[in-house]
Amino acid sequence: MLICREIPDVASDYISREGSKRTRLMVAVHMAQCSNCRNYIRGLKIARRIAAESLRGSVPTALLQNLGL
């Protein structure tokens, strides 16, 4: 099982659905139990979305898809 201080190391892969299924499952299990890490992941998703929206039109579609946006 993951602990809170390990979440930042795997958060990006979790959000973009990359990395191993096992790691993604461990993140999901941890987040089910930890509101602080849920908020952390939620904040990363929001920041990612804002960054992508600020670049719309000037970023190739393939890159946006690769980022999962």
Protein backbone atom coordinates (compact mmCIF):
# COMPACT_ATOMS: atom_id res chain seq x y z
CA MET A 1 0.00 0.00 0.00
CA LEU A 2 1.17 3.49 -0.80
CA ILE A 3 1.69 6.18 1.78
CA CYS A 4 0.95 9.87 1.30
CA ARG A 5 4.51 10.93 0.59
CA GLU A 6 4.65 8.46 -2.35
CA ILE A 7 1.58 9.86 -4.10
CA PRO A 8 3.35 12.81 -5.80
CA ASP A 9 5.76 10.34 -7.44
CA VAL A 10 2.94 8.43 -9.15
CA ALA A 11 0.21 11.05 -9.46
CA SER A 12 0.94 12.11 -13.03
CA ASP A 13 0.94 8.52 -14.29
CA TYR A 14 -2.28 7.87 -12.38
CA ILE A 15 -4.01 10.89 -13.92
CA SER A 16 -2.86 10.04 -17.45
CA ARG A 17 -3.61 6.33 -16.90
CA GLU A 18 -0.03 5.32 -17.58
CA GLY A 19 2.23 3.15 -15.49
CA SER A 20 1.37 -0.26 -14.18
CA LYS A 21 -2.17 -1.33 -13.37
CA ARG A 22 -0.92 -2.40 -9.96
CA THR A 23 0.38 1.09 -9.15
CA ARG A 24 -2.82 2.73 -10.40
CA LEU A 25 -4.84 0.37 -8.24
CA MET A 26 -2.67 1.14 -5.22
CA VAL A 27 -3.20 4.88 -5.79
CA ALA A 28 -6.97 4.37 -6.10
CA VAL A 29 -7.09 2.34 -2.89
CA HIS A 30 -5.04 4.95 -1.04
CA MET A 31 -7.22 7.80 -2.31
CA ALA A 32 -10.34 5.96 -1.19
CA GLN A 33 -8.99 6.24 2.34
CA CYS A 34 -7.20 9.60 2.25
CA SER A 35 -9.02 12.86 1.61
CA ASN A 36 -5.77 14.84 1.53
CA CYS A 37 -4.43 12.78 -1.38
CA ARG A 38 -7.80 12.94 -3.15
CA ASN A 39 -7.58 16.72 -2.92
CA TYR A 40 -3.97 16.65 -4.15
CA ILE A 41 -4.90 14.59 -7.23
CA ARG A 42 -7.96 16.77 -7.84
CA GLY A 43 -5.75 19.87 -7.73
CA LEU A 44 -3.31 18.36 -10.21
CA LYS A 45 -6.15 17.55 -12.59
CA ILE A 46 -7.46 21.11 -12.35
CA ALA A 47 -3.99 22.60 -12.91
CA ARG A 48 -3.46 20.34 -15.88
CA ARG A 49 -6.81 21.33 -17.38
CA ILE A 50 -6.12 25.05 -16.86
CA ALA A 51 -2.67 24.74 -18.44
CA ALA A 52 -4.12 22.89 -21.42
CA GLU A 53 -6.91 25.44 -21.91
CA SER A 54 -4.42 28.29 -21.85
CA LEU A 55 -2.61 26.65 -24.76
CA ARG A 56 -5.59 25.65 -26.89
CA GLY A 57 -5.18 26.51 -30.50
CA SER A 58 -1.41 26.67 -30.36
CA VAL A 59 -0.77 23.09 -29.24
CA PRO A 60 -0.93 20.18 -31.66
CA THR A 61 -3.95 17.95 -31.12
CA ALA A 62 -1.72 14.89 -30.80
CA LEU A 63 0.07 16.46 -27.82
CA LEU A 64 -3.20 17.27 -26.08
CA GLN A 65 -4.35 13.68 -26.62
CA ASN A 66 -1.05 12.38 -25.30
CA LEU A 67 -1.59 14.47 -22.16
CA GLY A 68 -5.06 13.00 -21.80
CA LEU A 69 -6.79 16.35 -22.32
